[in-house]
Amino acid sequence: MQLTRRDVLKLAVMAAGSSLPVRGLYAQAAPGAVITRPIPSTGERLPVVGIGGRDWEAETPAIRAELKEVLRRFPELGGKVIDTAEGYRSGASEVLFGELAQELSNRDKLFMATKINVTGKQPGLAQIEQSFRRLQTSRLDLICVHNLRDAVTQLQNLREVKQSGRLRYIGITTSFDNQYVQMEQLMKSEQMDFMQVDYAVDSRGAADRLLPLAADRGFGVMVNLPFGRGRLFSAVRNQSLPDWAGEIDCTSWAQIFLKYIIAHPAVTVVIPGTRQVAHVVDNMKAAHGRLPDAAMRRRMEDFMDKI
């Protein structure tokens, strides 16, 4: 039986009231404040929890209304980073984000990131312009080369757009460990502002070389697939939160999984896929309170490895 995110949230209620003594020192923001991290290339600070828009498509009016409410509540809760891509839902994700931000008049409260996925100089420039149109904006915060496709050519295209003043940051992405070698080579040879990679408590390969290299090169790090393509929620089905959850101010499994990632010093922002208001509220709680220190992160790894 596959456990849904909604089911896991219900299970977390059992541990929500626990309060345990702290056995170590944990990084945290000021009481009540959202934790932020600087983009290394500029020092601009971003809230550490964003929204991944891979599945943003208005299949029905009811779903569209829910997604609109997610985008309304997100900045109210202190969130800012929205990540989409030309290739998500054949462009429907970009279109929907553009429409909803216009309807809500909250574009200025969002850090809007997208990706290009094409080969060739002119097709790349055309796709960049298409993203501007779909997102209904004259200036984008970040565009990355999606899964490294034609990365050298497309990074040059992105630099040209950045130099024009219409684009603030550029980068590259992958969500596949078989691309890590190519990712590492590009990170060493190309100058950029961001890299995006898959990373989770049960999928830690990026921490071996890519995250330290990003820190050395001064790249911001955006983390995708923080729930391990759904594996993590399946692994903890029917389990109450561990006793130590309260030590890092977590009241749900999602917060535990997100705080594990946020606590890595190289990580700038994590972008869990989010389509429901309840989930954006829950996820944003991971941007508050204490974060696990190195010892707690090892404890979290051991816990998940044994499940």
C-alpha atoms as a PDB file:
ATOM      1  CA  MET A   1       0.000   0.000   0.000  1.00  0.00           C
ATOM      2  CA  GLN A   2       1.366   3.398  -1.013  1.00  0.00           C
ATOM      3  CA  LEU A   3       1.032   6.013   1.709  1.00  0.00           C
ATOM      4  CA  THR A   4      -0.007   9.476   0.586  1.00  0.00           C
ATOM      5  CA  ARG A   5       1.437  12.736   1.881  1.00  0.00           C
ATOM      6  CA  ARG A   6      -1.949  13.450   3.502  1.00  0.00           C
ATOM      7  CA  ASP A   7      -1.779  10.147   5.425  1.00  0.00           C
ATOM      8  CA  VAL A   8       1.727  10.898   6.656  1.00  0.00           C
ATOM      9  CA  LEU A   9       0.648  14.323   7.904  1.00  0.00           C
ATOM     10  CA  LYS A  10      -2.103  12.667   9.932  1.00  0.00           C
ATOM     11  CA  LEU A  11       0.359  10.232  11.483  1.00  0.00           C
ATOM     12  CA  ALA A  12       2.621  13.118  12.508  1.00  0.00           C
ATOM     13  CA  VAL A  13      -0.055  14.580  14.777  1.00  0.00           C
ATOM     14  CA  MET A  14       0.763  11.957  17.404  1.00  0.00           C
ATOM     15  CA  ALA A  15       4.156  13.551  17.995  1.00  0.00           C
ATOM     16  CA  ALA A  16       3.193  17.178  17.540  1.00  0.00           C
ATOM     17  CA  GLY A  17       2.858  17.913  21.239  1.00  0.00           C
ATOM     18  CA  SER A  18       6.131  16.387  22.386  1.00  0.00           C
ATOM     19  CA  SER A  19       8.824  18.628  23.840  1.00  0.00           C
ATOM     20  CA  LEU A  20      12.211  17.126  24.661  1.00  0.00           C
ATOM     21  CA  PRO A  21      15.343  18.623  26.178  1.00  0.00           C
ATOM     22  CA  VAL A  22      18.012  19.716  23.745  1.00  0.00           C
ATOM     23  CA  ARG A  23      21.164  17.579  23.830  1.00  0.00           C
ATOM     24  CA  GLY A  24      23.238  19.745  21.488  1.00  0.00           C
ATOM     25  CA  LEU A  25      23.505  23.091  19.798  1.00  0.00           C
ATOM     26  CA  TYR A  26      21.375  23.629  16.697  1.00  0.00           C
ATOM     27  CA  ALA A  27      21.487  26.444  14.152  1.00  0.00           C
ATOM     28  CA  GLN A  28      18.342  28.542  14.073  1.00  0.00           C
ATOM     29  CA  ALA A  29      16.912  31.889  13.034  1.00  0.00           C
ATOM     30  CA  ALA A  30      15.594  34.453  15.479  1.00  0.00           C
ATOM     31  CA  PRO A  31      12.378  33.300  17.180  1.00  0.00           C
ATOM     32  CA  GLY A  32       9.552  33.415  14.651  1.00  0.00           C
ATOM     33  CA  ALA A  33      11.791  34.422  11.756  1.00  0.00           C
ATOM     34  CA  VAL A  34      12.112  32.478   8.507  1.00  0.00           C
ATOM     35  CA  ILE A  35      15.569  30.997   8.007  1.00  0.00           C
ATOM     36  CA  THR A  36      17.315  32.494   4.980  1.00  0.00           C
ATOM     37  CA  ARG A  37      20.566  31.832   3.129  1.00  0.00           C
ATOM     38  CA  PRO A  38      22.642  34.127   0.932  1.00  0.00           C
ATOM     39  CA  ILE A  39      23.191  33.571  -2.772  1.00  0.00           C
ATOM     40  CA  PRO A  40      27.001  33.416  -2.825  1.00  0.00           C
ATOM     41  CA  SER A  41      27.468  35.508  -5.973  1.00  0.00           C
ATOM     42  CA  THR A  42      25.551  38.527  -4.631  1.00  0.00           C
ATOM     43  CA  GLY A  43      24.696  38.047  -0.958  1.00  0.00           C
ATOM     44  CA  GLU A  44      20.963  38.316  -1.673  1.00  0.00           C
ATOM     45  CA  ARG A  45      19.143  36.212   0.915  1.00  0.00           C
ATOM     46  CA  LEU A  46      16.453  33.661   0.091  1.00  0.00           C
ATOM     47  CA  PRO A  47      14.084  31.736   2.380  1.00  0.00           C
ATOM     48  CA  VAL A  48      15.369  28.170   2.595  1.00  0.00           C
ATOM     49  CA  VAL A  49      12.095  26.490   1.535  1.00  0.00           C
ATOM     50  CA  GLY A  50      10.617  27.045  -1.913  1.00  0.00           C
ATOM     51  CA  ILE A  51       8.103  25.351  -4.212  1.00  0.00           C
ATOM     52  CA  GLY A  52       8.873  22.897  -6.990  1.00  0.00           C
ATOM     53  CA  GLY A  53       6.399  23.248  -9.856  1.00  0.00           C
ATOM     54  CA  ARG A  54       6.915  20.050 -11.845  1.00  0.00           C
ATOM     55  CA  ASP A  55       3.279  18.992 -11.389  1.00  0.00           C
ATOM     56  CA  TRP A  56       1.646  22.412 -11.628  1.00  0.00           C
ATOM     57  CA  GLU A  57      -1.163  22.039 -14.134  1.00  0.00           C
ATOM     58  CA  ALA A  58      -4.782  23.132 -13.774  1.00  0.00           C
ATOM     59  CA  GLU A  59      -6.465  19.874 -14.767  1.00  0.00           C
ATOM     60  CA  THR A  60      -9.779  21.062 -13.277  1.00  0.00           C
ATOM     61  CA  PRO A  61     -11.161  24.376 -11.954  1.00  0.00           C
ATOM     62  CA  ALA A  62     -10.933  23.004  -8.411  1.00  0.00           C
ATOM     63  CA  ILE A  63      -7.247  22.149  -8.819  1.00  0.00           C
ATOM     64  CA  ARG A  64      -6.567  25.573 -10.309  1.00  0.00           C
ATOM     65  CA  ALA A  65      -8.266  27.219  -7.325  1.00  0.00           C
ATOM     66  CA  GLU A  66      -6.141  25.162  -4.909  1.00  0.00           C
ATOM     67  CA  LEU A  67      -2.922  26.050  -6.726  1.00  0.00           C
ATOM     68  CA  LYS A  68      -3.881  29.714  -6.745  1.00  0.00           C
ATOM     69  CA  GLU A  69      -4.375  29.568  -2.980  1.00  0.00           C
ATOM     70  CA  VAL A  70      -0.975  27.877  -2.603  1.00  0.00           C
ATOM     71  CA  LEU A  71       0.660  30.727  -4.527  1.00  0.00           C
ATOM     72  CA  ARG A  72      -1.238  33.285  -2.463  1.00  0.00           C
ATOM     73  CA  ARG A  73      -0.335  31.776   0.897  1.00  0.00           C
ATOM     74  CA  PHE A  74       3.292  30.976   0.057  1.00  0.00           C
ATOM     75  CA  PRO A  75       4.725  34.529   0.276  1.00  0.00           C
ATOM     76  CA  GLU A  76       2.450  35.289   3.213  1.00  0.00           C
ATOM     77  CA  LEU A  77       4.175  32.445   5.052  1.00  0.00           C
ATOM     78  CA  GLY A  78       7.584  33.879   4.198  1.00  0.00           C
ATOM     79  CA  GLY A  79       8.296  31.836   1.070  1.00  0.00           C
ATOM     80  CA  LYS A  80       9.725  33.263  -2.121  1.00  0.00           C
ATOM     81  CA  VAL A  81      11.383  30.779  -4.506  1.00  0.00           C
ATOM     82  CA  ILE A  82       9.232  29.231  -7.237  1.00  0.00           C
ATOM     83  CA  ASP A  83      10.896  26.682  -9.530  1.00  0.00           C
ATOM     84  CA  THR A  84       9.375  25.616 -12.825  1.00  0.00           C
ATOM     85  CA  ALA A  85      10.628  24.611 -16.273  1.00  0.00           C
ATOM     86  CA  GLU A  86       9.734  24.778 -19.946  1.00  0.00           C
ATOM     87  CA  GLY A  87       9.509  21.000 -19.905  1.00  0.00           C
ATOM     88  CA  TYR A  88       7.147  20.643 -16.965  1.00  0.00           C
ATOM     89  CA  ARG A  89       3.742  19.514 -18.217  1.00  0.00           C
ATOM     90  CA  SER A  90       4.720  20.621 -21.742  1.00  0.00           C
ATOM     91  CA  GLY A  91       4.928  24.226 -20.616  1.00  0.00           C
ATOM     92  CA  ALA A  92       1.670  24.236 -18.645  1.00  0.00           C
ATOM     93  CA  SER A  93       3.550  24.818 -15.376  1.00  0.00           C
ATOM     94  CA  GLU A  94       5.172  28.029 -16.638  1.00  0.00           C
ATOM     95  CA  VAL A  95       1.879  29.248 -18.077  1.00  0.00           C
ATOM     96  CA  LEU A  96       0.011  28.609 -14.848  1.00  0.00           C
ATOM     97  CA  PHE A  97       2.578  30.312 -12.643  1.00  0.00           C
ATOM     98  CA  GLY A  98       2.488  33.323 -14.953  1.00  0.00           C
ATOM     99  CA  GLU A  99      -1.296  33.518 -14.949  1.00  0.00           C
ATOM    100  CA  LEU A 100      -1.695  33.070 -11.201  1.00  0.00           C
ATOM    101  CA  ALA A 101       1.021  35.558 -10.272  1.00  0.00           C
ATOM    102  CA  GLN A 102      -0.706  38.113 -12.492  1.00  0.00           C
ATOM    103  CA  GLU A 103      -4.116  37.403 -10.975  1.00  0.00           C
ATOM    104  CA  LEU A 104      -2.714  37.621  -7.442  1.00  0.00           C
ATOM    105  CA  SER A 105      -0.526  40.663  -8.203  1.00  0.00           C
ATOM    106  CA  ASN A 106       2.276  39.104  -6.156  1.00  0.00           C
ATOM    107  CA  ARG A 107       4.997  38.687  -8.789  1.00  0.00           C
ATOM    108  CA  ASP A 108       7.202  41.145  -6.895  1.00  0.00           C
ATOM    109  CA  LYS A 109       7.087  38.857  -3.848  1.00  0.00           C
ATOM    110  CA  LEU A 110       8.414  35.846  -5.754  1.00  0.00           C
ATOM    111  CA  PHE A 111      11.845  34.675  -6.853  1.00  0.00           C
ATOM    112  CA  MET A 112      10.870  33.039 -10.142  1.00  0.00           C
ATOM    113  CA  ALA A 113      13.169  30.343 -11.549  1.00  0.00           C
ATOM    114  CA  THR A 114      12.744  28.292 -14.698  1.00  0.00           C
ATOM    115  CA  LYS A 115      14.803  26.066 -16.997  1.00  0.00           C
ATOM    116  CA  ILE A 116      15.535  25.605 -20.671  1.00  0.00           C
ATOM    117  CA  ASN A 117      15.802  22.220 -22.360  1.00  0.00           C
ATOM    118  CA  VAL A 118      16.875  22.445 -25.990  1.00  0.00           C
ATOM    119  CA  THR A 119      19.909  22.088 -28.268  1.00  0.00           C
ATOM    120  CA  GLY A 120      21.388  24.876 -30.390  1.00  0.00           C
ATOM    121  CA  LYS A 121      21.969  28.596 -30.009  1.00  0.00           C
ATOM    122  CA  GLN A 122      18.911  29.970 -31.778  1.00  0.00           C
ATOM    123  CA  PRO A 123      16.478  27.364 -30.390  1.00  0.00           C
ATOM    124  CA  GLY A 124      17.860  28.166 -26.951  1.00  0.00           C
ATOM    125  CA  LEU A 125      17.307  31.898 -27.315  1.00  0.00           C
ATOM    126  CA  ALA A 126      13.804  31.254 -28.656  1.00  0.00           C
ATOM    127  CA  GLN A 127      12.960  29.048 -25.688  1.00  0.00           C
ATOM    128  CA  ILE A 128      14.203  31.684 -23.257  1.00  0.00           C
ATOM    129  CA  GLU A 129      11.893  34.244 -24.850  1.00  0.00           C
ATOM    130  CA  GLN A 130       9.027  31.769 -24.653  1.00  0.00           C
ATOM    131  CA  SER A 131       9.586  31.441 -20.904  1.00  0.00           C
ATOM    132  CA  PHE A 132       9.395  35.213 -20.488  1.00  0.00           C
ATOM    133  CA  ARG A 133       6.077  35.219 -22.328  1.00  0.00           C
ATOM    134  CA  ARG A 134       4.610  32.273 -20.480  1.00  0.00           C
ATOM    135  CA  LEU A 135       5.618  33.651 -17.087  1.00  0.00           C
ATOM    136  CA  GLN A 136       4.297  37.079 -18.075  1.00  0.00           C
ATOM    137  CA  THR A 137       7.310  38.953 -16.800  1.00  0.00           C
ATOM    138  CA  SER A 138       9.928  41.260 -18.260  1.00  0.00           C
ATOM    139  CA  ARG A 139      12.607  40.057 -15.857  1.00  0.00           C
ATOM    140  CA  LEU A 140      13.368  36.581 -14.518  1.00  0.00           C
ATOM    141  CA  ASP A 141      15.322  35.791 -11.400  1.00  0.00           C
ATOM    142  CA  LEU A 142      16.961  32.540 -12.500  1.00  0.00           C
ATOM    143  CA  ILE A 143      17.137  30.359 -15.592  1.00  0.00           C
ATOM    144  CA  CYS A 144      19.053  27.076 -15.517  1.00  0.00           C
ATOM    145  CA  VAL A 145      20.041  24.570 -18.167  1.00  0.00           C
ATOM    146  CA  HIS A 146      17.737  21.616 -17.520  1.00  0.00           C
ATOM    147  CA  ASN A 147      19.543  18.304 -16.942  1.00  0.00           C
ATOM    148  CA  LEU A 148      22.698  19.692 -18.575  1.00  0.00           C
ATOM    149  CA  ARG A 149      21.316  19.577 -22.107  1.00  0.00           C
ATOM    150  CA  ASP A 150      23.712  21.372 -24.485  1.00  0.00           C
ATOM    151  CA  ALA A 151      24.982  23.088 -21.359  1.00  0.00           C
ATOM    152  CA  VAL A 152      27.943  25.063 -22.743  1.00  0.00           C
ATOM    153  CA  THR A 153      25.915  26.630 -25.574  1.00  0.00           C
ATOM    154  CA  GLN A 154      22.904  27.348 -23.399  1.00  0.00           C
ATOM    155  CA  LEU A 155      24.965  28.857 -20.581  1.00  0.00           C
ATOM    156  CA  GLN A 156      26.415  31.285 -23.131  1.00  0.00           C
ATOM    157  CA  ASN A 157      22.881  32.143 -24.250  1.00  0.00           C
ATOM    158  CA  LEU A 158      21.894  32.751 -20.647  1.00  0.00           C
ATOM    159  CA  ARG A 159      24.942  34.963 -20.075  1.00  0.00           C
ATOM    160  CA  GLU A 160      23.897  37.131 -23.004  1.00  0.00           C
ATOM    161  CA  VAL A 161      20.395  37.545 -21.598  1.00  0.00           C
ATOM    162  CA  LYS A 162      21.822  38.236 -18.146  1.00  0.00           C
ATOM    163  CA  GLN A 163      24.101  40.920 -19.560  1.00  0.00           C
ATOM    164  CA  SER A 164      21.048  42.597 -21.096  1.00  0.00           C
ATOM    165  CA  GLY A 165      19.645  43.085 -17.587  1.00  0.00           C
ATOM    166  CA  ARG A 166      16.575  40.874 -18.083  1.00  0.00           C
ATOM    167  CA  LEU A 167      17.938  37.890 -16.164  1.00  0.00           C
ATOM    168  CA  ARG A 168      19.503  38.014 -12.714  1.00  0.00           C
ATOM    169  CA  TYR A 169      21.068  34.568 -12.234  1.00  0.00           C
ATOM    170  CA  ILE A 170      22.032  31.514 -14.315  1.00  0.00           C
ATOM    171  CA  GLY A 171      22.838  27.891 -13.542  1.00  0.00           C
ATOM    172  CA  ILE A 172      22.606  24.190 -14.381  1.00  0.00           C
ATOM    173  CA  THR A 173      20.511  21.343 -13.010  1.00  0.00           C
ATOM    174  CA  THR A 174      20.347  17.571 -12.765  1.00  0.00           C
ATOM    175  CA  SER A 175      18.195  15.088 -10.912  1.00  0.00           C
ATOM    176  CA  PHE A 176      20.101  11.980 -12.024  1.00  0.00           C
ATOM    177  CA  ASP A 177      23.216  10.594 -10.385  1.00  0.00           C
ATOM    178  CA  ASN A 178      24.516   9.297 -13.729  1.00  0.00           C
ATOM    179  CA  GLN A 179      25.030  12.956 -14.691  1.00  0.00           C
ATOM    180  CA  TYR A 180      27.122  13.822 -11.632  1.00  0.00           C
ATOM    181  CA  VAL A 181      30.460  13.439 -13.449  1.00  0.00           C
ATOM    182  CA  GLN A 182      29.369  15.811 -16.221  1.00  0.00           C
ATOM    183  CA  MET A 183      27.876  18.148 -13.612  1.00  0.00           C
ATOM    184  CA  GLU A 184      31.182  18.260 -11.750  1.00  0.00           C
ATOM    185  CA  GLN A 185      33.118  19.009 -14.931  1.00  0.00           C
ATOM    186  CA  LEU A 186      30.799  21.885 -15.834  1.00  0.00           C
ATOM    187  CA  MET A 187      30.947  23.289 -12.319  1.00  0.00           C
ATOM    188  CA  LYS A 188      34.731  23.395 -12.588  1.00  0.00           C
ATOM    189  CA  SER A 189      34.855  24.899 -16.075  1.00  0.00           C
ATOM    190  CA  GLU A 190      31.861  27.260 -16.228  1.00  0.00           C
ATOM    191  CA  GLN A 191      30.998  30.335 -14.185  1.00  0.00           C
ATOM    192  CA  MET A 192      27.423  30.490 -12.933  1.00  0.00           C
ATOM    193  CA  ASP A 193      25.332  31.493  -9.939  1.00  0.00           C
ATOM    194  CA  PHE A 194      23.415  28.295  -9.129  1.00  0.00           C
ATOM    195  CA  MET A 195      23.479  24.562  -9.435  1.00  0.00           C
ATOM    196  CA  GLN A 196      20.450  22.380  -8.750  1.00  0.00           C
ATOM    197  CA  VAL A 197      20.698  18.729  -7.758  1.00  0.00           C
ATOM    198  CA  ASP A 198      18.706  15.901  -6.190  1.00  0.00           C
ATOM    199  CA  TYR A 199      19.553  15.306  -2.533  1.00  0.00           C
ATOM    200  CA  ALA A 200      17.691  13.602   0.302  1.00  0.00           C
ATOM    201  CA  VAL A 201      18.406  11.803   3.550  1.00  0.00           C
ATOM    202  CA  ASP A 202      18.223   8.487   1.664  1.00  0.00           C
ATOM    203  CA  SER A 203      19.992   9.786  -1.477  1.00  0.00           C
ATOM    204  CA  ARG A 204      23.198  11.444  -0.347  1.00  0.00           C
ATOM    205  CA  GLY A 205      25.491  11.057  -3.353  1.00  0.00           C
ATOM    206  CA  ALA A 206      25.506  14.782  -4.161  1.00  0.00           C
ATOM    207  CA  ALA A 207      27.064  15.517  -0.771  1.00  0.00           C
ATOM    208  CA  ASP A 208      30.220  13.590  -1.621  1.00  0.00           C
ATOM    209  CA  ARG A 209      31.606  15.994  -4.227  1.00  0.00           C
ATOM    210  CA  LEU A 210      28.995  18.278  -5.785  1.00  0.00           C
ATOM    211  CA  LEU A 211      27.888  20.187  -2.705  1.00  0.00           C
ATOM    212  CA  PRO A 212      31.450  20.820  -1.463  1.00  0.00           C
ATOM    213  CA  LEU A 213      32.435  21.906  -4.980  1.00  0.00           C
ATOM    214  CA  ALA A 214      29.487  24.320  -5.113  1.00  0.00           C
ATOM    215  CA  ALA A 215      30.682  25.858  -1.865  1.00  0.00           C
ATOM    216  CA  ASP A 216      34.239  26.125  -3.169  1.00  0.00           C
ATOM    217  CA  ARG A 217      33.110  27.706  -6.441  1.00  0.00           C
ATOM    218  CA  GLY A 218      30.631  30.103  -4.850  1.00  0.00           C
ATOM    219  CA  PHE A 219      27.474  28.646  -6.398  1.00  0.00           C
ATOM    220  CA  GLY A 220      24.074  28.728  -4.760  1.00  0.00           C
ATOM    221  CA  VAL A 221      22.564  25.268  -4.319  1.00  0.00           C
ATOM    222  CA  MET A 222      18.927  24.479  -5.041  1.00  0.00           C
ATOM    223  CA  VAL A 223      17.846  20.970  -3.984  1.00  0.00           C
ATOM    224  CA  ASN A 224      15.194  19.022  -5.877  1.00  0.00           C
ATOM    225  CA  LEU A 225      13.535  15.707  -4.950  1.00  0.00           C
ATOM    226  CA  PRO A 226      13.983  16.222  -1.180  1.00  0.00           C
ATOM    227  CA  PHE A 227      11.505  13.421  -0.475  1.00  0.00           C
ATOM    228  CA  GLY A 228      13.371  10.938  -2.666  1.00  0.00           C
ATOM    229  CA  ARG A 229      10.709  10.655  -5.387  1.00  0.00           C
ATOM    230  CA  GLY A 230       8.236   9.654  -2.670  1.00  0.00           C
ATOM    231  CA  ARG A 231      10.421   6.879  -1.227  1.00  0.00           C
ATOM    232  CA  LEU A 232      10.819   8.568   2.138  1.00  0.00           C
ATOM    233  CA  PHE A 233       7.102   8.871   2.867  1.00  0.00           C
ATOM    234  CA  SER A 234       6.625   5.237   1.915  1.00  0.00           C
ATOM    235  CA  ALA A 235       9.481   4.216   4.218  1.00  0.00           C
ATOM    236  CA  VAL A 236       7.941   5.868   7.288  1.00  0.00           C
ATOM    237  CA  ARG A 237       4.350   4.807   6.743  1.00  0.00           C
ATOM    238  CA  ASN A 238       2.599   3.823   9.948  1.00  0.00           C
ATOM    239  CA  GLN A 239       5.491   5.175  12.041  1.00  0.00           C
ATOM    240  CA  SER A 240       5.229   7.869  14.687  1.00  0.00           C
ATOM    241  CA  LEU A 241       7.818  10.625  14.688  1.00  0.00           C
ATOM    242  CA  PRO A 242      11.033   9.701  16.517  1.00  0.00           C
ATOM    243  CA  ASP A 243      11.607  11.121  19.991  1.00  0.00           C
ATOM    244  CA  TRP A 244      14.334  13.435  18.728  1.00  0.00           C
ATOM    245  CA  ALA A 245      12.025  15.281  16.305  1.00  0.00           C
ATOM    246  CA  GLY A 246      11.204  17.825  18.995  1.00  0.00           C
ATOM    247  CA  GLU A 247      14.879  18.651  19.428  1.00  0.00           C
ATOM    248  CA  ILE A 248      14.866  20.225  15.964  1.00  0.00           C
ATOM    249  CA  ASP A 249      11.332  21.643  16.222  1.00  0.00           C
ATOM    250  CA  CYS A 250       9.764  19.187  13.772  1.00  0.00           C
ATOM    251  CA  THR A 251       6.116  18.146  13.940  1.00  0.00           C
ATOM    252  CA  SER A 252       5.927  16.172  10.664  1.00  0.00           C
ATOM    253  CA  TRP A 253       8.036  13.811   8.602  1.00  0.00           C
ATOM    254  CA  ALA A 254       8.190  16.383   5.805  1.00  0.00           C
ATOM    255  CA  GLN A 255       9.806  18.869   8.162  1.00  0.00           C
ATOM    256  CA  ILE A 256      12.357  16.255   9.244  1.00  0.00           C
ATOM    257  CA  PHE A 257      13.266  15.440   5.653  1.00  0.00           C
ATOM    258  CA  LEU A 258      13.512  19.121   4.710  1.00  0.00           C
ATOM    259  CA  LYS A 259      15.518  20.156   7.773  1.00  0.00           C
ATOM    260  CA  TYR A 260      18.056  17.427   7.095  1.00  0.00           C
ATOM    261  CA  ILE A 261      18.749  19.115   3.731  1.00  0.00           C
ATOM    262  CA  ILE A 262      18.521  22.708   4.931  1.00  0.00           C
ATOM    263  CA  ALA A 263      21.107  21.989   7.616  1.00  0.00           C
ATOM    264  CA  HIS A 264      23.780  21.230   5.008  1.00  0.00           C
ATOM    265  CA  PRO A 265      25.909  24.400   4.932  1.00  0.00           C
ATOM    266  CA  ALA A 266      26.136  24.456   1.120  1.00  0.00           C
ATOM    267  CA  VAL A 267      22.376  24.405   0.547  1.00  0.00           C
ATOM    268  CA  THR A 268      20.667  27.682  -0.337  1.00  0.00           C
ATOM    269  CA  VAL A 269      17.076  26.528  -0.859  1.00  0.00           C
ATOM    270  CA  VAL A 270      15.134  23.278  -1.101  1.00  0.00           C
ATOM    271  CA  ILE A 271      12.190  23.038  -3.515  1.00  0.00           C
ATOM    272  CA  PRO A 272       9.695  20.315  -2.553  1.00  0.00           C
ATOM    273  CA  GLY A 273       6.948  19.694  -5.082  1.00  0.00           C
ATOM    274  CA  THR A 274       3.875  21.357  -3.577  1.00  0.00           C
ATOM    275  CA  ARG A 275       0.289  21.447  -4.850  1.00  0.00           C
ATOM    276  CA  GLN A 276      -1.807  21.724  -1.688  1.00  0.00           C
ATOM    277  CA  VAL A 277      -2.233  24.505   0.845  1.00  0.00           C
ATOM    278  CA  ALA A 278      -1.785  22.075   3.752  1.00  0.00           C
ATOM    279  CA  HIS A 279       1.560  21.003   2.325  1.00  0.00           C
ATOM    280  CA  VAL A 280       2.913  24.515   1.788  1.00  0.00           C
ATOM    281  CA  VAL A 281       1.972  25.400   5.379  1.00  0.00           C
ATOM    282  CA  ASP A 282       3.671  22.254   6.666  1.00  0.00           C
ATOM    283  CA  ASN A 283       6.768  22.646   4.505  1.00  0.00           C
ATOM    284  CA  MET A 284       7.297  26.271   5.496  1.00  0.00           C
ATOM    285  CA  LYS A 285       7.494  25.228   9.146  1.00  0.00           C
ATOM    286  CA  ALA A 286      10.815  23.610   8.233  1.00  0.00           C
ATOM    287  CA  ALA A 287      12.132  27.151   7.625  1.00  0.00           C
ATOM    288  CA  HIS A 288      11.694  27.961  11.308  1.00  0.00           C
ATOM    289  CA  GLY A 289      13.340  26.944  14.552  1.00  0.00           C
ATOM    290  CA  ARG A 290      16.323  24.735  15.231  1.00  0.00           C
ATOM    291  CA  LEU A 291      18.238  22.846  12.571  1.00  0.00           C
ATOM    292  CA  PRO A 292      20.140  19.610  13.122  1.00  0.00           C
ATOM    293  CA  ASP A 293      23.853  19.858  13.790  1.00  0.00           C
ATOM    294  CA  ALA A 294      26.336  17.375  12.293  1.00  0.00           C
ATOM    295  CA  ALA A 295      25.751  14.810  15.010  1.00  0.00           C
ATOM    296  CA  MET A 296      21.982  14.991  14.613  1.00  0.00           C
ATOM    297  CA  ARG A 297      22.259  14.688  10.832  1.00  0.00           C
ATOM    298  CA  ARG A 298      24.248  11.464  11.275  1.00  0.00           C
ATOM    299  CA  ARG A 299      21.560  10.253  13.652  1.00  0.00           C
ATOM    300  CA  MET A 300      18.906  11.013  11.041  1.00  0.00           C
ATOM    301  CA  GLU A 301      20.869   9.143   8.394  1.00  0.00           C
ATOM    302  CA  ASP A 302      21.269   6.112  10.648  1.00  0.00           C
ATOM    303  CA  PHE A 303      17.580   6.150  11.495  1.00  0.00           C
ATOM    304  CA  MET A 304      16.484   6.187   7.843  1.00  0.00           C
ATOM    305  CA  ASP A 305      19.128   3.658   6.772  1.00  0.00           C
ATOM    306  CA  LYS A 306      17.705   1.143   9.244  1.00  0.00           C
ATOM    307  CA  ILE A 307      14.102   1.452   8.078  1.00  0.00           C
END
